[in-house]
Amino acid sequence: MKLAFMGTPDFSVPALRALHAAGHDIVAVYTQPQRPAGRGKKDRPSAVQLAAEALDLEVRYPKSLRDTEAQGAFADLDVDVAVVVAYGLILPAPILAAPRKGCLNIHASLLPRWRGAAPIHRAIMSGDAETGISIMSMDLGLDTGPVLLTEATPIDSTETTGDLHDRLAHIGADLIVRALNTLDDLTPVPQPEVGVTYAVKVDKSEGRIDWTRDATAVDRQIRALSPFPGAWCLVEGERVKFLRSLAVDGAGSPGAHLGDFRIACGTGAVRILEAQREGKRPMTAEELLRGMTLPESLA
C-alpha cells in the first residue's frame, strides 16, 4: 500500500521498519520537530526521524497539523492509509479524512482499557495481569475509534515499563503488518462503553516512594516508573532511583533496611534489584552496595 507514517519515539521505530521491510510504499514520515535534549540542550532529532533517514525516506516535522497548508500537503500525498503510533500531535478531521482507507493507530493496550498517554505505565502500576496491542481506526475522540485487531500478552511480575515497552513495540510492528495485509477483510468493532479507563500522563511527582504503602503497591510503582521518571527515595540526603524490585516477605518499620537490600513497607517488604545514584549509571543492588552503605532506615 501507499502509506504515510506518523510517529516520534523509540516505540514507533519497529513499526516503521516492519512496514518498510514488508514492501509498503512509505511516501512520507511525519514526526515531532527536533527539540533540545541532553546536558548541552542541543536540538536532537526524534528516534523516528533517525530511523526514517536511515531508510532514505522523506521526513516531515510540522509543528501543527491544524493549518490548511499542512493539511493540503498531507492530502496531496494521496495515500491509502496513514499509520500512527505515538506521534504526539492531534490529528484534526481533514487529516483523518485524507487517506482512502483511513488512519490506523497502534495503541499499547487492550482498548477500551487504558486510553490515553501512558497505557504501559498504568497497566503495571495497577497490577494488570495482561495488556496488549490494539490496531484502531482513528476518529476524533481520544483512542475511541473501532478496533480492527488485538493481540494480548501477559505482564510478568518482574517486568518494568521499559521491558514491556520493548515487547509491545515489536508486537505492534507485527500486528500492523498483518492488519494491512488483510485490511479489506477486517471488520471494525466499536469499543464497548463498559471497561473504559484512562491512562493519564505520568507526572514526576508520582516518583517518591511512600514506604507506608504495602509492598505490592511499592513494587508496582518501582517497576511502572522504570526507567523514567524513576521511583526514588532519599538515602542520607541523596536521591536514589530504584529501577527493579520484587515484593518479598519481611516486617519492620516502614523504610527500615532489613538486610540484603530488603526494605520494609507498611505490609511486607521489597527487595531492590537495580538502582541508580545521582549522576551515576544504573547498577545492580550488589554493585551499588559495594560503594554505598545503607542506613537503618530510608526516607
Protein backbone atom coordinates (compact mmCIF):
# COMPACT_ATOMS: atom_id res chain seq x y z
CA MET A 1 0.00 0.00 0.00
CA LYS A 2 0.89 3.65 -0.33
CA LEU A 3 1.41 4.87 3.24
CA ALA A 4 2.16 7.87 5.39
CA PHE A 5 3.79 7.04 8.72
CA MET A 6 3.36 9.24 11.79
CA GLY A 7 5.39 8.58 14.94
CA THR A 8 8.08 10.03 17.15
CA PRO A 9 9.73 7.98 19.96
CA ASP A 10 11.59 4.67 20.08
CA PHE A 11 8.28 2.82 20.45
CA SER A 12 7.36 3.79 16.87
CA VAL A 13 10.56 2.62 15.20
CA PRO A 14 9.91 -1.16 14.95
CA ALA A 15 6.61 -0.49 13.15
CA LEU A 16 8.27 1.85 10.66
CA ARG A 17 10.98 -0.69 9.91
CA ALA A 18 8.49 -3.57 9.64
CA LEU A 19 6.29 -1.68 7.16
CA HIS A 20 9.31 -0.79 5.08
CA ALA A 21 10.57 -4.39 5.14
CA ALA A 22 7.11 -5.62 4.10
CA GLY A 23 7.40 -3.62 0.89
CA HIS A 24 4.86 -0.87 1.52
CA ASP A 25 5.45 2.44 -0.24
CA ILE A 26 6.04 4.90 2.61
CA VAL A 27 5.87 8.23 0.81
CA ALA A 28 6.36 10.45 3.88
CA VAL A 29 7.22 10.08 7.55
CA TYR A 30 5.77 12.63 9.97
CA THR A 31 7.46 13.15 13.32
CA GLN A 32 7.82 15.79 16.03
CA PRO A 33 10.25 18.66 15.34
CA GLN A 34 13.73 18.46 16.83
CA ARG A 35 13.86 19.58 20.45
CA PRO A 36 16.65 20.49 22.87
CA ALA A 37 17.83 17.45 24.82
CA GLY A 38 20.77 16.22 26.86
CA ARG A 39 23.16 18.21 29.01
CA GLY A 40 24.08 20.54 26.17
CA LYS A 41 20.41 21.20 25.31
CA LYS A 42 21.17 20.85 21.61
CA ASP A 43 18.37 20.13 19.17
CA ARG A 44 18.04 16.38 18.82
CA PRO A 45 16.09 14.54 16.10
CA SER A 46 13.45 12.04 17.14
CA ALA A 47 14.09 8.30 17.03
CA VAL A 48 11.67 8.06 14.10
CA GLN A 49 13.47 10.79 12.15
CA LEU A 50 16.78 8.96 12.53
CA ALA A 51 15.24 5.63 11.51
CA ALA A 52 13.45 7.18 8.51
CA GLU A 53 16.58 8.91 7.27
CA ALA A 54 18.48 5.62 7.55
CA LEU A 55 15.82 4.09 5.28
CA ASP A 56 16.11 7.06 2.87
CA LEU A 57 12.50 8.13 3.47
CA GLU A 58 11.16 11.68 3.26
CA VAL A 59 10.71 13.19 6.72
CA ARG A 60 8.33 15.99 7.63
CA TYR A 61 8.06 17.64 11.06
CA PRO A 62 5.30 20.26 11.14
CA LYS A 63 4.67 21.95 14.49
CA SER A 64 0.92 21.56 13.94
CA LEU A 65 -1.49 19.91 11.54
CA ARG A 66 -4.27 22.41 12.14
CA ASP A 67 -3.42 24.91 9.39
CA THR A 68 -4.70 24.49 5.85
CA GLU A 69 -1.21 24.44 4.33
CA ALA A 70 -0.14 21.39 6.40
CA GLN A 71 -3.46 19.69 5.71
CA GLY A 72 -3.17 20.31 1.98
CA ALA A 73 0.38 18.96 1.89
CA PHE A 74 -0.80 15.81 3.64
CA ALA A 75 -3.79 15.36 1.32
CA ASP A 76 -1.52 15.77 -1.71
CA LEU A 77 0.33 12.59 -0.69
CA ASP A 78 -2.76 10.68 -1.84
CA VAL A 79 -2.11 7.71 0.45
CA ASP A 80 -4.17 4.60 1.08
CA VAL A 81 -3.52 4.57 4.84
CA ALA A 82 -1.75 6.64 7.49
CA VAL A 83 -0.18 4.53 10.22
CA VAL A 84 0.03 6.44 13.50
CA VAL A 85 1.98 5.31 16.56
CA ALA A 86 2.91 7.61 19.45
CA TYR A 87 3.07 10.61 17.12
CA GLY A 88 2.27 13.27 19.71
CA LEU A 89 0.17 15.68 17.62
CA ILE A 90 -3.62 15.77 17.45
CA LEU A 91 -4.95 14.79 14.02
CA PRO A 92 -7.80 17.13 13.00
CA ALA A 93 -10.71 15.96 10.86
CA PRO A 94 -9.16 16.90 7.46
CA ILE A 95 -6.09 14.76 8.24
CA LEU A 96 -8.19 11.82 9.42
CA ALA A 97 -10.31 12.01 6.28
CA ALA A 98 -7.49 12.27 3.74
CA PRO A 99 -6.25 8.64 3.42
CA ARG A 100 -8.54 6.45 1.30
CA LYS A 101 -8.73 3.71 3.93
CA GLY A 102 -8.33 5.90 7.00
CA CYS A 103 -5.76 6.43 9.75
CA LEU A 104 -4.77 3.35 11.76
CA ASN A 105 -3.32 3.73 15.23
CA ILE A 106 -1.11 1.23 17.07
CA HIS A 107 -2.13 1.59 20.71
CA ALA A 108 -0.32 -0.13 23.58
CA SER A 109 -3.31 -1.52 25.48
CA LEU A 110 -6.37 -3.70 25.02
CA LEU A 111 -8.91 -0.97 24.34
CA PRO A 112 -11.08 0.39 25.86
CA ARG A 113 -8.81 -0.16 28.89
CA TRP A 114 -6.09 2.48 29.20
CA ARG A 115 -6.97 5.01 26.58
CA GLY A 116 -4.57 7.94 26.66
CA ALA A 117 -0.93 8.84 27.09
CA ALA A 118 0.62 6.28 29.44
CA PRO A 119 -1.02 2.87 28.98
CA ILE A 120 2.09 0.81 29.76
CA HIS A 121 2.90 2.66 32.98
CA ARG A 122 -0.69 2.47 34.20
CA ALA A 123 -1.12 -1.22 33.39
CA ILE A 124 1.90 -2.15 35.52
CA MET A 125 1.05 0.31 38.30
CA SER A 126 -2.47 -1.11 38.52
CA GLY A 127 -1.29 -4.71 38.64
CA ASP A 128 -2.95 -5.80 35.38
CA ALA A 129 -2.32 -9.44 34.55
CA GLU A 130 -2.21 -8.74 30.83
CA THR A 131 -2.08 -5.99 28.27
CA GLY A 132 -1.52 -5.94 24.53
CA ILE A 133 -1.77 -4.03 21.28
CA SER A 134 -4.88 -2.69 19.61
CA ILE A 135 -4.97 -1.64 15.96
CA MET A 136 -7.62 1.06 15.91
CA SER A 137 -9.28 3.03 13.13
CA MET A 138 -8.92 6.61 14.35
CA ASP A 139 -11.73 9.08 14.89
CA LEU A 140 -11.85 12.49 16.57
CA GLY A 141 -12.03 11.08 20.11
CA LEU A 142 -9.20 10.11 22.44
CA ASP A 143 -8.49 6.50 21.43
CA THR A 144 -12.22 5.92 20.91
CA GLY A 145 -12.26 4.51 17.37
CA PRO A 146 -13.31 1.00 16.37
CA VAL A 147 -10.76 -1.76 16.79
CA LEU A 148 -9.58 -3.90 13.87
CA LEU A 149 -7.14 -6.30 15.55
CA THR A 150 -5.81 -7.01 19.03
CA GLU A 151 -3.09 -9.19 20.46
CA ALA A 152 -2.86 -9.83 24.20
CA THR A 153 0.27 -10.60 26.18
CA PRO A 154 0.73 -11.39 29.88
CA ILE A 155 2.58 -8.94 32.12
CA ASP A 156 5.30 -10.74 34.03
CA SER A 157 5.52 -10.00 37.76
CA THR A 158 9.08 -8.69 37.32
CA GLU A 159 8.59 -6.58 34.17
CA THR A 160 9.32 -2.89 34.13
CA THR A 161 7.73 -0.34 31.84
CA GLY A 162 10.96 -0.40 29.82
CA ASP A 163 10.75 -4.18 29.37
CA LEU A 164 7.10 -4.16 28.40
CA HIS A 165 7.54 -1.12 26.15
CA ASP A 166 10.07 -3.00 24.03
CA ARG A 167 7.96 -6.17 23.80
CA LEU A 168 4.82 -4.25 22.84
CA ALA A 169 6.66 -2.21 20.22
CA HIS A 170 7.57 -5.41 18.36
CA ILE A 171 4.11 -6.93 18.83
CA GLY A 172 2.64 -3.73 17.38
CA ALA A 173 5.01 -3.86 14.41
CA ASP A 174 3.96 -7.41 13.56
CA LEU A 175 0.28 -6.66 14.10
CA ILE A 176 0.14 -3.58 11.85
CA VAL A 177 1.75 -5.53 9.00
CA ARG A 178 -0.86 -8.26 9.49
CA ALA A 179 -3.64 -5.66 9.60
CA LEU A 180 -2.60 -4.06 6.33
CA ASN A 181 -2.25 -7.44 4.63
CA THR A 182 -5.88 -8.29 5.49
CA LEU A 183 -7.37 -4.79 5.76
CA ASP A 184 -10.25 -5.32 3.33
CA ASP A 185 -11.32 -8.44 5.24
CA LEU A 186 -11.26 -6.89 8.72
CA THR A 187 -14.44 -5.71 10.42
CA PRO A 188 -14.04 -2.65 12.67
CA VAL A 189 -15.53 -3.44 16.09
CA PRO A 190 -16.85 -0.46 18.09
CA GLN A 191 -15.35 -0.22 21.55
CA PRO A 192 -17.72 -1.14 24.40
CA GLU A 193 -18.71 1.57 26.83
CA VAL A 194 -18.06 -0.79 29.74
CA GLY A 195 -14.47 -1.09 30.93
CA VAL A 196 -13.19 2.30 29.77
CA THR A 197 -10.19 3.57 31.74
CA TYR A 198 -7.82 6.47 31.08
CA ALA A 199 -4.05 6.33 31.32
CA VAL A 200 -3.18 9.85 32.38
CA LYS A 201 0.35 11.07 31.69
CA VAL A 202 2.84 10.16 34.40
CA ASP A 203 3.96 13.11 36.49
CA LYS A 204 7.36 13.29 38.17
CA SER A 205 5.56 13.94 41.46
CA GLU A 206 4.46 10.30 41.43
CA GLY A 207 8.04 9.15 41.84
CA ARG A 208 8.69 9.48 45.57
CA ILE A 209 8.20 6.18 47.40
CA ASP A 210 5.90 6.07 50.42
CA TRP A 211 7.17 3.12 52.44
CA THR A 212 3.95 3.01 54.48
CA ARG A 213 2.16 1.53 51.47
CA ASP A 214 2.05 -2.24 51.10
CA ALA A 215 4.91 -4.00 49.34
CA THR A 216 2.86 -4.93 46.29
CA ALA A 217 1.98 -1.28 45.62
CA VAL A 218 5.58 -0.12 46.13
CA ASP A 219 6.91 -2.85 43.85
CA ARG A 220 4.44 -1.88 41.12
CA GLN A 221 5.37 1.78 41.48
CA ILE A 222 9.08 0.98 41.09
CA ARG A 223 8.57 -1.20 38.04
CA ALA A 224 5.99 1.11 36.43
CA LEU A 225 8.22 4.17 36.68
CA SER A 226 11.36 2.40 35.43
CA PRO A 227 13.34 3.64 33.60
CA PHE A 228 11.60 7.04 33.55
CA PRO A 229 10.87 9.10 35.55
CA GLY A 230 12.02 6.62 38.21
CA ALA A 231 10.68 5.84 41.68
CA TRP A 232 13.02 7.25 44.33
CA CYS A 233 13.73 7.84 47.98
CA LEU A 234 16.36 9.70 49.98
CA VAL A 235 19.34 7.74 51.22
CA GLU A 236 21.11 10.00 53.73
CA GLY A 237 20.07 13.05 51.72
CA GLU A 238 20.91 11.62 48.28
CA ARG A 239 18.10 10.88 45.86
CA VAL A 240 18.42 7.27 44.67
CA LYS A 241 16.19 5.81 41.97
CA PHE A 242 15.03 2.22 42.30
CA LEU A 243 14.62 0.55 38.91
CA ARG A 244 13.89 -3.15 39.58
CA SER A 245 12.37 -4.85 42.58
CA LEU A 246 10.48 -7.82 43.97
CA ALA A 247 7.78 -7.94 46.61
CA VAL A 248 9.07 -10.29 49.34
CA ASP A 249 8.35 -11.37 52.90
CA GLY A 250 9.62 -9.13 55.67
CA ALA A 251 8.44 -7.00 58.56
CA GLY A 252 9.68 -3.82 60.18
CA SER A 253 9.05 -0.12 60.45
CA PRO A 254 8.26 1.31 57.00
CA GLY A 255 11.54 2.24 55.31
CA ALA A 256 13.69 0.04 57.55
CA HIS A 257 16.56 -1.76 55.84
CA LEU A 258 16.15 -5.45 56.71
CA GLY A 259 19.40 -6.52 55.05
CA ASP A 260 20.16 -7.80 51.55
CA PHE A 261 18.58 -4.58 50.18
CA ARG A 262 15.15 -5.58 51.52
CA ILE A 263 13.16 -2.53 52.57
CA ALA A 264 10.20 -2.86 54.92
CA CYS A 265 6.87 -1.49 53.75
CA GLY A 266 3.55 -0.96 55.52
CA THR A 267 2.93 -4.64 54.83
CA GLY A 268 5.69 -6.93 53.61
CA ALA A 269 8.91 -5.71 52.02
CA VAL A 270 10.53 -5.10 48.64
CA ARG A 271 13.93 -6.33 47.56
CA ILE A 272 15.73 -3.83 45.35
CA LEU A 273 17.42 -5.49 42.38
CA GLU A 274 18.65 -2.45 40.46
CA ALA A 275 19.13 1.19 41.43
CA GLN A 276 20.75 4.41 40.26
CA ARG A 277 22.55 7.04 42.29
CA GLU A 278 22.52 10.68 41.24
CA GLY A 279 24.78 11.23 38.25
CA LYS A 280 25.64 7.53 38.01
CA ARG A 281 24.69 4.70 35.67
CA PRO A 282 22.09 2.10 36.71
CA MET A 283 23.66 -0.61 38.88
CA THR A 284 22.65 -3.95 40.30
CA ALA A 285 21.98 -3.94 44.02
CA GLU A 286 25.26 -5.76 44.61
CA GLU A 287 27.23 -3.16 42.64
CA LEU A 288 25.60 -0.25 44.44
CA LEU A 289 26.20 -1.71 47.89
CA ARG A 290 29.92 -2.01 47.17
CA GLY A 291 30.16 1.78 47.18
CA MET A 292 27.30 2.73 49.47
CA THR A 293 26.27 1.67 52.96
CA LEU A 294 22.53 1.83 53.52
CA PRO A 295 21.35 3.41 56.76
CA GLU A 296 18.99 1.60 59.10
CA SER A 297 16.04 3.44 57.58
CA LEU A 298 15.31 5.11 54.23
CA ALA A 299 13.30 8.30 53.86
